PDB file of N, CA and C in Angstrom:
ATOM      1  N   UNK A   1       5.859 -11.308  -6.399  1.00  0.00           N
ATOM      2  CA  UNK A   1       5.521 -12.642  -6.803  1.00  0.00           C
ATOM      3  C   UNK A   1       4.557 -13.226  -5.779  1.00  0.00           C
ATOM      4  N   UNK A   2       3.502 -13.837  -6.268  1.00  0.00           N
ATOM      5  CA  UNK A   2       2.490 -14.459  -5.426  1.00  0.00           C
ATOM      6  C   UNK A   2       2.456 -15.941  -5.778  1.00  0.00           C
ATOM      7  N   UNK A   3       2.781 -16.781  -4.819  1.00  0.00           N
ATOM      8  CA  UNK A   3       2.805 -18.222  -5.034  1.00  0.00           C
ATOM      9  C   UNK A   3       1.650 -18.872  -4.288  1.00  0.00           C
ATOM     10  N   UNK A   4       0.990 -19.824  -4.918  1.00  0.00           N
ATOM     11  CA  UNK A   4      -0.040 -20.614  -4.274  1.00  0.00           C
ATOM     12  C   UNK A   4       0.458 -22.044  -4.230  1.00  0.00           C
ATOM     13  N   UNK A   5       0.444 -22.616  -3.042  1.00  0.00           N
ATOM     14  CA  UNK A   5       1.004 -23.949  -2.832  1.00  0.00           C
ATOM     15  C   UNK A   5      -0.018 -24.853  -2.165  1.00  0.00           C
ATOM     16  N   UNK A   6      -0.037 -26.102  -2.562  1.00  0.00           N
ATOM     17  CA  UNK A   6      -0.876 -27.102  -1.907  1.00  0.00           C
ATOM     18  C   UNK A   6      -0.225 -27.451  -0.574  1.00  0.00           C
ATOM     19  N   UNK A   7      -1.006 -27.461   0.486  1.00  0.00           N
ATOM     20  CA  UNK A   7      -0.466 -27.722   1.821  1.00  0.00           C
ATOM     21  C   UNK A   7      -1.086 -28.960   2.446  1.00  0.00           C
ATOM     22  N   UNK A   8      -1.208 -30.017   1.680  1.00  0.00           N
ATOM     23  CA  UNK A   8      -1.714 -31.273   2.235  1.00  0.00           C
ATOM     24  C   UNK A   8      -0.714 -31.810   3.250  1.00  0.00           C
ATOM     25  N   UNK A   9      -1.177 -32.682   4.136  1.00  0.00           N
ATOM     26  CA  UNK A   9      -0.291 -33.229   5.158  1.00  0.00           C
ATOM     27  C   UNK A   9       0.860 -34.015   4.550  1.00  0.00           C
ATOM     28  N   UNK A  10       0.584 -34.734   3.476  1.00  0.00           N
ATOM     29  CA  UNK A  10       1.619 -35.556   2.861  1.00  0.00           C
ATOM     30  C   UNK A  10       2.178 -34.872   1.617  1.00  0.00           C
ATOM     31  N   UNK A  11       3.473 -35.014   1.373  1.00  0.00           N
ATOM     32  CA  UNK A  11       4.072 -34.445   0.163  1.00  0.00           C
ATOM     33  C   UNK A  11       3.550 -35.155  -1.080  1.00  0.00           C
ATOM     34  N   UNK A  12       3.665 -34.613  -2.234  1.00  0.00           N
ATOM     35  CA  UNK A  12       4.432 -33.397  -2.509  1.00  0.00           C
ATOM     36  C   UNK A  12       3.583 -32.148  -2.296  1.00  0.00           C
ATOM     37  N   UNK A  13       4.236 -31.058  -1.919  1.00  0.00           N
ATOM     38  CA  UNK A  13       3.590 -29.758  -1.784  1.00  0.00           C
ATOM     39  C   UNK A  13       3.865 -29.003  -3.077  1.00  0.00           C
ATOM     40  N   UNK A  14       2.895 -29.004  -3.957  1.00  0.00           N
ATOM     41  CA  UNK A  14       3.063 -28.447  -5.294  1.00  0.00           C
ATOM     42  C   UNK A  14       2.628 -26.990  -5.359  1.00  0.00           C
ATOM     43  N   UNK A  15       3.357 -26.203  -6.146  1.00  0.00           N
ATOM     44  CA  UNK A  15       2.936 -24.837  -6.438  1.00  0.00           C
ATOM     45  C   UNK A  15       1.915 -24.929  -7.558  1.00  0.00           C
ATOM     46  N   UNK A  16       0.713 -24.413  -7.301  1.00  0.00           N
ATOM     47  CA  UNK A  16      -0.385 -24.536  -8.259  1.00  0.00           C
ATOM     48  C   UNK A  16      -0.658 -23.257  -9.028  1.00  0.00           C
ATOM     49  N   UNK A  17      -0.066 -22.141  -8.591  1.00  0.00           N
ATOM     50  CA  UNK A  17      -0.283 -20.875  -9.291  1.00  0.00           C
ATOM     51  C   UNK A  17       0.844 -19.905  -8.957  1.00  0.00           C
ATOM     52  N   UNK A  18       1.256 -19.136  -9.963  1.00  0.00           N
ATOM     53  CA  UNK A  18       2.258 -18.079  -9.778  1.00  0.00           C
ATOM     54  C   UNK A  18       1.734 -16.828 -10.457  1.00  0.00           C
ATOM     55  N   UNK A  19       1.795 -15.692  -9.754  1.00  0.00           N
ATOM     56  CA  UNK A  19       1.405 -14.399 -10.330  1.00  0.00           C
ATOM     57  C   UNK A  19       2.525 -13.399 -10.051  1.00  0.00           C
ATOM     58  N   UNK A  20       2.887 -12.671 -11.074  1.00  0.00           N
ATOM     59  CA  UNK A  20       3.911 -11.630 -10.946  1.00  0.00           C
ATOM     60  C   UNK A  20       3.230 -10.275 -11.062  1.00  0.00           C
ATOM     61  N   UNK A  21       3.609  -9.348 -10.172  1.00  0.00           N
ATOM     62  CA  UNK A  21       3.051  -8.002 -10.205  1.00  0.00           C
ATOM     63  C   UNK A  21       4.166  -6.992  -9.962  1.00  0.00           C
ATOM     64  N   UNK A  22       3.971  -5.739 -10.356  1.00  0.00           N
ATOM     65  CA  UNK A  22       4.927  -4.691  -9.981  1.00  0.00           C
ATOM     66  C   UNK A  22       4.979  -4.576  -8.453  1.00  0.00           C
ATOM     67  N   UNK A  23       6.106  -4.196  -7.914  1.00  0.00           N
ATOM     68  CA  UNK A  23       6.313  -4.147  -6.463  1.00  0.00           C
ATOM     69  C   UNK A  23       5.252  -3.357  -5.701  1.00  0.00           C
ATOM     70  N   UNK A  24       4.788  -2.203  -6.190  1.00  0.00           N
ATOM     71  CA  UNK A  24       3.811  -1.452  -5.381  1.00  0.00           C
ATOM     72  C   UNK A  24       2.387  -1.998  -5.403  1.00  0.00           C
ATOM     73  N   UNK A  25       2.137  -3.093  -6.100  1.00  0.00           N
ATOM     74  CA  UNK A  25       0.788  -3.669  -6.130  1.00  0.00           C
ATOM     75  C   UNK A  25       0.446  -4.248  -4.762  1.00  0.00           C
ATOM     76  N   UNK A  26      -0.660  -3.821  -4.202  1.00  0.00           N
ATOM     77  CA  UNK A  26      -1.082  -4.307  -2.884  1.00  0.00           C
ATOM     78  C   UNK A  26      -1.479  -5.776  -2.968  1.00  0.00           C
ATOM     79  N   UNK A  27      -1.073  -6.556  -1.986  1.00  0.00           N
ATOM     80  CA  UNK A  27      -1.391  -7.981  -1.957  1.00  0.00           C
ATOM     81  C   UNK A  27      -2.896  -8.233  -2.027  1.00  0.00           C
ATOM     82  N   UNK A  28      -3.666  -7.424  -1.292  1.00  0.00           N
ATOM     83  CA  UNK A  28      -5.119  -7.644  -1.211  1.00  0.00           C
ATOM     84  C   UNK A  28      -5.791  -7.582  -2.579  1.00  0.00           C
ATOM     85  N   UNK A  29      -5.225  -6.853  -3.514  1.00  0.00           N
ATOM     86  CA  UNK A  29      -5.784  -6.735  -4.854  1.00  0.00           C
ATOM     87  C   UNK A  29      -5.664  -8.049  -5.625  1.00  0.00           C
ATOM     88  N   UNK A  30      -4.717  -8.888  -5.238  1.00  0.00           N
ATOM     89  CA  UNK A  30      -4.421 -10.097  -5.996  1.00  0.00           C
ATOM     90  C   UNK A  30      -5.281 -11.299  -5.636  1.00  0.00           C
ATOM     91  N   UNK A  31      -6.029 -11.241  -4.557  1.00  0.00           N
ATOM     92  CA  UNK A  31      -6.796 -12.418  -4.129  1.00  0.00           C
ATOM     93  C   UNK A  31      -7.813 -12.825  -5.193  1.00  0.00           C
ATOM     94  N   UNK A  32      -8.590 -11.883  -5.706  1.00  0.00           N
ATOM     95  CA  UNK A  32      -9.607 -12.222  -6.703  1.00  0.00           C
ATOM     96  C   UNK A  32      -8.980 -12.796  -7.975  1.00  0.00           C
ATOM     97  N   UNK A  33      -7.936 -12.179  -8.565  1.00  0.00           N
ATOM     98  CA  UNK A  33      -7.325 -12.779  -9.752  1.00  0.00           C
ATOM     99  C   UNK A  33      -6.726 -14.165  -9.493  1.00  0.00           C
ATOM    100  N   UNK A  34      -6.176 -14.367  -8.310  1.00  0.00           N
ATOM    101  CA  UNK A  34      -5.634 -15.682  -7.966  1.00  0.00           C
ATOM    102  C   UNK A  34      -6.754 -16.708  -7.889  1.00  0.00           C
ATOM    103  N   UNK A  35      -7.851 -16.358  -7.219  1.00  0.00           N
ATOM    104  CA  UNK A  35      -8.988 -17.280  -7.126  1.00  0.00           C
ATOM    105  C   UNK A  35      -9.589 -17.555  -8.510  1.00  0.00           C
ATOM    106  N   UNK A  36      -9.660 -16.535  -9.345  1.00  0.00           N
ATOM    107  CA  UNK A  36     -10.178 -16.732 -10.706  1.00  0.00           C
ATOM    108  C   UNK A  36      -9.303 -17.715 -11.482  1.00  0.00           C
ATOM    109  N   UNK A  37      -7.978 -17.556 -11.385  1.00  0.00           N
ATOM    110  CA  UNK A  37      -7.060 -18.451 -12.099  1.00  0.00           C
ATOM    111  C   UNK A  37      -7.156 -19.876 -11.563  1.00  0.00           C
ATOM    112  N   UNK A  38      -7.238 -20.022 -10.242  1.00  0.00           N
ATOM    113  CA  UNK A  38      -7.369 -21.355  -9.659  1.00  0.00           C
ATOM    114  C   UNK A  38      -8.694 -22.003 -10.054  1.00  0.00           C
ATOM    115  N   UNK A  39      -9.754 -21.200 -10.098  1.00  0.00           N
ATOM    116  CA  UNK A  39     -11.066 -21.717 -10.507  1.00  0.00           C
ATOM    117  C   UNK A  39     -11.011 -22.194 -11.958  1.00  0.00           C
ATOM    118  N   UNK A  40     -10.402 -21.395 -12.821  1.00  0.00           N
ATOM    119  CA  UNK A  40     -10.294 -21.746 -14.237  1.00  0.00           C
ATOM    120  C   UNK A  40      -9.569 -23.081 -14.421  1.00  0.00           C
ATOM    121  N   UNK A  41      -8.562 -23.324 -13.589  1.00  0.00           N
ATOM    122  CA  UNK A  41      -7.780 -24.563 -13.687  1.00  0.00           C
ATOM    123  C   UNK A  41      -8.324 -25.681 -12.800  1.00  0.00           C
ATOM    124  N   UNK A  42      -9.499 -25.464 -12.204  1.00  0.00           N
ATOM    125  CA  UNK A  42     -10.143 -26.455 -11.325  1.00  0.00           C
ATOM    126  C   UNK A  42      -9.232 -26.812 -10.144  1.00  0.00           C
ATOM    127  N   UNK A  43      -8.591 -25.784  -9.558  1.00  0.00           N
ATOM    128  CA  UNK A  43      -7.671 -25.990  -8.436  1.00  0.00           C
ATOM    129  C   UNK A  43      -8.042 -25.175  -7.204  1.00  0.00           C
ATOM    130  N   UNK A  44      -9.268 -24.659  -7.149  1.00  0.00           N
ATOM    131  CA  UNK A  44      -9.674 -23.873  -5.982  1.00  0.00           C
ATOM    132  C   UNK A  44      -9.644 -24.735  -4.721  1.00  0.00           C
ATOM    133  N   UNK A  45      -8.998 -24.243  -3.672  1.00  0.00           N
ATOM    134  CA  UNK A  45      -9.001 -24.990  -2.415  1.00  0.00           C
ATOM    135  C   UNK A  45     -10.270 -24.681  -1.619  1.00  0.00           C
ATOM    136  N   UNK A  46     -10.584 -25.520  -0.667  1.00  0.00           N
ATOM    137  CA  UNK A  46     -11.709 -25.214   0.219  1.00  0.00           C
ATOM    138  C   UNK A  46     -11.284 -24.185   1.265  1.00  0.00           C
ATOM    139  N   UNK A  47      -9.998 -24.186   1.595  1.00  0.00           N
ATOM    140  CA  UNK A  47      -9.421 -23.197   2.516  1.00  0.00           C
ATOM    141  C   UNK A  47      -8.175 -22.612   1.870  1.00  0.00           C
ATOM    142  N   UNK A  48      -8.012 -21.304   2.011  1.00  0.00           N
ATOM    143  CA  UNK A  48      -6.855 -20.621   1.446  1.00  0.00           C
ATOM    144  C   UNK A  48      -6.184 -19.845   2.579  1.00  0.00           C
ATOM    145  N   UNK A  49      -4.991 -20.262   2.949  1.00  0.00           N
ATOM    146  CA  UNK A  49      -4.259 -19.615   4.036  1.00  0.00           C
ATOM    147  C   UNK A  49      -3.436 -18.481   3.444  1.00  0.00           C
ATOM    148  N   UNK A  50      -3.671 -17.263   3.949  1.00  0.00           N
ATOM    149  CA  UNK A  50      -3.012 -16.066   3.428  1.00  0.00           C
ATOM    150  C   UNK A  50      -2.356 -15.292   4.558  1.00  0.00           C
ATOM    151  N   UNK A  51      -1.343 -14.485   4.219  1.00  0.00           N
ATOM    152  CA  UNK A  51      -0.761 -13.633   5.254  1.00  0.00           C
ATOM    153  C   UNK A  51      -1.583 -12.352   5.373  1.00  0.00           C
ATOM    154  N   UNK A  52      -1.256 -11.528   6.341  1.00  0.00           N
ATOM    155  CA  UNK A  52      -2.104 -10.381   6.672  1.00  0.00           C
ATOM    156  C   UNK A  52      -2.219  -9.351   5.561  1.00  0.00           C
ATOM    157  N   UNK A  53      -1.280  -9.294   4.639  1.00  0.00           N
ATOM    158  CA  UNK A  53      -1.367  -8.339   3.540  1.00  0.00           C
ATOM    159  C   UNK A  53      -2.528  -8.605   2.603  1.00  0.00           C
ATOM    160  N   UNK A  54      -3.022  -9.824   2.593  1.00  0.00           N
ATOM    161  CA  UNK A  54      -4.108 -10.211   1.708  1.00  0.00           C
ATOM    162  C   UNK A  54      -5.482 -10.129   2.375  1.00  0.00           C
ATOM    163  N   UNK A  55      -5.517 -10.035   3.691  1.00  0.00           N
ATOM    164  CA  UNK A  55      -6.773 -10.158   4.432  1.00  0.00           C
ATOM    165  C   UNK A  55      -7.475  -8.809   4.574  1.00  0.00           C
ATOM    166  N   UNK A  56      -8.684  -8.741   4.044  1.00  0.00           N
ATOM    167  CA  UNK A  56      -9.588  -7.607   4.262  1.00  0.00           C
ATOM    168  C   UNK A  56     -10.976  -8.191   4.495  1.00  0.00           C
ATOM    169  N   UNK A  57     -11.876  -7.393   5.005  1.00  0.00           N
ATOM    170  CA  UNK A  57     -13.244  -7.884   5.211  1.00  0.00           C
ATOM    171  C   UNK A  57     -13.879  -8.242   3.870  1.00  0.00           C
ATOM    172  N   UNK A  58     -13.580  -7.460   2.824  1.00  0.00           N
ATOM    173  CA  UNK A  58     -14.123  -7.756   1.504  1.00  0.00           C
ATOM    174  C   UNK A  58     -13.585  -9.096   0.990  1.00  0.00           C
ATOM    175  N   UNK A  59     -12.312  -9.356   1.221  1.00  0.00           N
ATOM    176  CA  UNK A  59     -11.705 -10.622   0.787  1.00  0.00           C
ATOM    177  C   UNK A  59     -12.372 -11.798   1.490  1.00  0.00           C
ATOM    178  N   UNK A  60     -12.582 -11.678   2.781  1.00  0.00           N
ATOM    179  CA  UNK A  60     -13.215 -12.759   3.537  1.00  0.00           C
ATOM    180  C   UNK A  60     -14.612 -13.053   3.011  1.00  0.00           C
ATOM    181  N   UNK A  61     -15.391 -12.010   2.798  1.00  0.00           N
ATOM    182  CA  UNK A  61     -16.775 -12.186   2.341  1.00  0.00           C
ATOM    183  C   UNK A  61     -16.827 -12.658   0.890  1.00  0.00           C
ATOM    184  N   UNK A  62     -16.079 -11.998   0.015  1.00  0.00           N
ATOM    185  CA  UNK A  62     -16.124 -12.323  -1.409  1.00  0.00           C
ATOM    186  C   UNK A  62     -15.622 -13.734  -1.689  1.00  0.00           C
ATOM    187  N   UNK A  63     -14.544 -14.132  -1.036  1.00  0.00           N
ATOM    188  CA  UNK A  63     -13.977 -15.459  -1.279  1.00  0.00           C
ATOM    189  C   UNK A  63     -14.967 -16.550  -0.919  1.00  0.00           C
ATOM    190  N   UNK A  64     -15.666 -16.368   0.181  1.00  0.00           N
ATOM    191  CA  UNK A  64     -16.659 -17.355   0.603  1.00  0.00           C
ATOM    192  C   UNK A  64     -17.865 -17.351  -0.329  1.00  0.00           C
ATOM    193  N   UNK A  65     -18.365 -16.159  -0.637  1.00  0.00           N
ATOM    194  CA  UNK A  65     -19.589 -16.044  -1.439  1.00  0.00           C
ATOM    195  C   UNK A  65     -19.372 -16.440  -2.896  1.00  0.00           C
ATOM    196  N   UNK A  66     -18.312 -15.930  -3.527  1.00  0.00           N
ATOM    197  CA  UNK A  66     -18.112 -16.135  -4.956  1.00  0.00           C
ATOM    198  C   UNK A  66     -17.381 -17.426  -5.301  1.00  0.00           C
ATOM    199  N   UNK A  67     -16.540 -17.906  -4.389  1.00  0.00           N
ATOM    200  CA  UNK A  67     -15.697 -19.054  -4.724  1.00  0.00           C
ATOM    201  C   UNK A  67     -15.851 -20.238  -3.767  1.00  0.00           C
ATOM    202  N   UNK A  68     -16.630 -20.078  -2.712  1.00  0.00           N
ATOM    203  CA  UNK A  68     -16.770 -21.101  -1.666  1.00  0.00           C
ATOM    204  C   UNK A  68     -15.415 -21.460  -1.073  1.00  0.00           C
ATOM    205  N   UNK A  69     -14.567 -20.442  -0.918  1.00  0.00           N
ATOM    206  CA  UNK A  69     -13.231 -20.612  -0.347  1.00  0.00           C
ATOM    207  C   UNK A  69     -13.194 -19.901   0.995  1.00  0.00           C
ATOM    208  N   UNK A  70     -12.827 -20.625   2.038  1.00  0.00           N
ATOM    209  CA  UNK A  70     -12.657 -20.037   3.363  1.00  0.00           C
ATOM    210  C   UNK A  70     -11.245 -19.465   3.448  1.00  0.00           C
ATOM    211  N   UNK A  71     -11.147 -18.151   3.576  1.00  0.00           N
ATOM    212  CA  UNK A  71      -9.844 -17.499   3.717  1.00  0.00           C
ATOM    213  C   UNK A  71      -9.457 -17.510   5.186  1.00  0.00           C
ATOM    214  N   UNK A  72      -8.222 -17.928   5.450  1.00  0.00           N
ATOM    215  CA  UNK A  72      -7.711 -18.025   6.820  1.00  0.00           C
ATOM    216  C   UNK A  72      -6.416 -17.226   6.898  1.00  0.00           C
ATOM    217  N   UNK A  73      -6.302 -16.429   7.930  1.00  0.00           N
ATOM    218  CA  UNK A  73      -5.066 -15.679   8.121  1.00  0.00           C
ATOM    219  C   UNK A  73      -5.232 -14.608   9.172  1.00  0.00           C
ATOM    220  N   UNK A  74      -4.121 -14.033   9.592  1.00  0.00           N
ATOM    221  CA  UNK A  74      -4.176 -12.993  10.631  1.00  0.00           C
ATOM    222  C   UNK A  74      -4.663 -11.666  10.062  1.00  0.00           C
ATOM    223  N   UNK A  75      -5.307 -10.894  10.906  1.00  0.00           N
ATOM    224  CA  UNK A  75      -5.697  -9.544  10.503  1.00  0.00           C
ATOM    225  C   UNK A  75      -4.486  -8.628  10.621  1.00  0.00           C
ATOM    226  N   UNK A  76      -4.590  -7.488  10.032  1.00  0.00           N
ATOM    227  CA  UNK A  76      -3.497  -6.509  10.104  1.00  0.00           C
ATOM    228  C   UNK A  76      -3.433  -5.915  11.501  1.00  0.00           C
ATOM    229  N   UNK A  77      -2.245  -5.440  11.865  1.00  0.00           N
ATOM    230  CA  UNK A  77      -2.070  -4.789  13.162  1.00  0.00           C
ATOM    231  C   UNK A  77      -2.948  -3.540  13.218  1.00  0.00           C
ATOM    232  N   UNK A  78      -3.464  -3.253  14.379  1.00  0.00           N
ATOM    233  CA  UNK A  78      -4.346  -2.109  14.564  1.00  0.00           C
ATOM    234  C   UNK A  78      -3.506  -0.834  14.661  1.00  0.00           C
ATOM    235  N   UNK A  79      -3.604   0.022  13.656  1.00  0.00           N
ATOM    236  CA  UNK A  79      -2.844   1.274  13.604  1.00  0.00           C
ATOM    237  C   UNK A  79      -3.702   2.499  13.909  1.00  0.00           C
ATOM    238  N   UNK A  80      -4.953   2.295  14.241  1.00  0.00           N
ATOM    239  CA  UNK A  80      -5.866   3.408  14.492  1.00  0.00           C
ATOM    240  C   UNK A  80      -5.529   4.097  15.822  1.00  0.00           C
ATOM    241  N   UNK A  81      -5.987   5.318  15.989  1.00  0.00           N
ATOM    242  CA  UNK A  81      -5.676   6.097  17.189  1.00  0.00           C
ATOM    243  C   UNK A  81      -6.206   5.424  18.454  1.00  0.00           C
ATOM    244  N   UNK A  82      -7.312   4.699  18.341  1.00  0.00           N
ATOM    245  CA  UNK A  82      -7.908   4.062  19.506  1.00  0.00           C
ATOM    246  C   UNK A  82      -6.970   3.007  20.109  1.00  0.00           C
ATOM    247  N   UNK A  83      -6.125   2.406  19.291  1.00  0.00           N
ATOM    248  CA  UNK A  83      -5.211   1.368  19.769  1.00  0.00           C
ATOM    249  C   UNK A  83      -4.040   1.955  20.554  1.00  0.00           C
ATOM    250  N   UNK A  84      -3.756   3.243  20.367  1.00  0.00           N
ATOM    251  CA  UNK A  84      -2.609   3.846  21.043  1.00  0.00           C
ATOM    252  C   UNK A  84      -3.003   4.749  22.209  1.00  0.00           C
ATOM    253  N   UNK A  85      -4.300   4.828  22.496  1.00  0.00           N
ATOM    254  CA  UNK A  85      -4.760   5.624  23.633  1.00  0.00           C
ATOM    255  C   UNK A  85      -5.699   4.769  24.472  1.00  0.00           C
ATOM    256  N   UNK A  86      -6.080   5.275  25.591  1.00  0.00           N
ATOM    257  CA  UNK A  86      -7.026   4.531  26.430  1.00  0.00           C
ATOM    258  C   UNK A  86      -8.458   5.012  26.194  1.00  0.00           C
ATOM    259  N   UNK A  87      -8.701   5.643  25.063  1.00  0.00           N
ATOM    260  CA  UNK A  87     -10.035   6.136  24.732  1.00  0.00           C
ATOM    261  C   UNK A  87     -10.610   5.337  23.570  1.00  0.00           C
ATOM    262  N   UNK A  88     -11.896   5.129  23.571  1.00  0.00           N
ATOM    263  CA  UNK A  88     -12.548   4.448  22.470  1.00  0.00           C
ATOM    264  C   UNK A  88     -12.335   2.947  22.500  1.00  0.00           C
ATOM    265  N   UNK A  89     -12.712   2.301  21.426  1.00  0.00           N
ATOM    266  CA  UNK A  89     -12.615   0.849  21.305  1.00  0.00           C
ATOM    267  C   UNK A  89     -11.677   0.504  20.152  1.00  0.00           C
ATOM    268  N   UNK A  90     -10.648  -0.289  20.429  1.00  0.00           N
ATOM    269  CA  UNK A  90      -9.784  -0.781  19.365  1.00  0.00           C
ATOM    270  C   UNK A  90     -10.179  -2.224  19.048  1.00  0.00           C
ATOM    271  N   UNK A  91      -9.453  -2.861  18.152  1.00  0.00           N
ATOM    272  CA  UNK A  91      -9.847  -4.225  17.719  1.00  0.00           C
ATOM    273  C   UNK A  91      -9.756  -5.255  18.829  1.00  0.00           C
ATOM    274  N   UNK A  92      -9.003  -4.990  19.879  1.00  0.00           N
ATOM    275  CA  UNK A  92      -8.924  -5.960  20.973  1.00  0.00           C
ATOM    276  C   UNK A  92     -10.242  -6.105  21.722  1.00  0.00           C
ATOM    277  N   UNK A  93     -11.169  -5.174  21.518  1.00  0.00           N
ATOM    278  CA  UNK A  93     -12.482  -5.231  22.181  1.00  0.00           C
ATOM    279  C   UNK A  93     -13.507  -6.055  21.403  1.00  0.00           C
ATOM    280  N   UNK A  94     -13.110  -6.614  20.271  1.00  0.00           N
ATOM    281  CA  UNK A  94     -14.053  -7.337  19.417  1.00  0.00           C
ATOM    282  C   UNK A  94     -13.525  -8.728  19.118  1.00  0.00           C
ATOM    283  N   UNK A  95     -14.431  -9.698  19.096  1.00  0.00           N
ATOM    284  CA  UNK A  95     -14.087 -11.079  18.801  1.00  0.00           C
ATOM    285  C   UNK A  95     -15.057 -11.589  17.742  1.00  0.00           C
ATOM    286  N   UNK A  96     -14.542 -12.292  16.747  1.00  0.00           N
ATOM    287  CA  UNK A  96     -15.390 -12.922  15.735  1.00  0.00           C
ATOM    288  C   UNK A  96     -15.485 -14.395  16.064  1.00  0.00           C
ATOM    289  N   UNK A  97     -16.701 -14.896  16.183  1.00  0.00           N
ATOM    290  CA  UNK A  97     -16.928 -16.303  16.485  1.00  0.00           C
ATOM    291  C   UNK A  97     -17.368 -17.039  15.267  1.00  0.00           C
TER     292      UNK A  97
END
């Protein structure tokens, strides 16, 4: 289940969209359909706060370009070999400004 909620400072915090998917559906796949549904209902936010399962570089770029939505959220943990050895460069060596 994917819930989209309004997070204004003052209540009420309303759920504006609900999507149900089979359990093995990756979260990142759902961002575009969620944005499409919100756009159709004229409910697209200027910022969309998501958890790390939804965040990919494609999501960040596409959401901004196609929907004018700034996606905010943490990146996934670095599981690459460079993060577990002292060789090469892992994500801690890079900063996005």
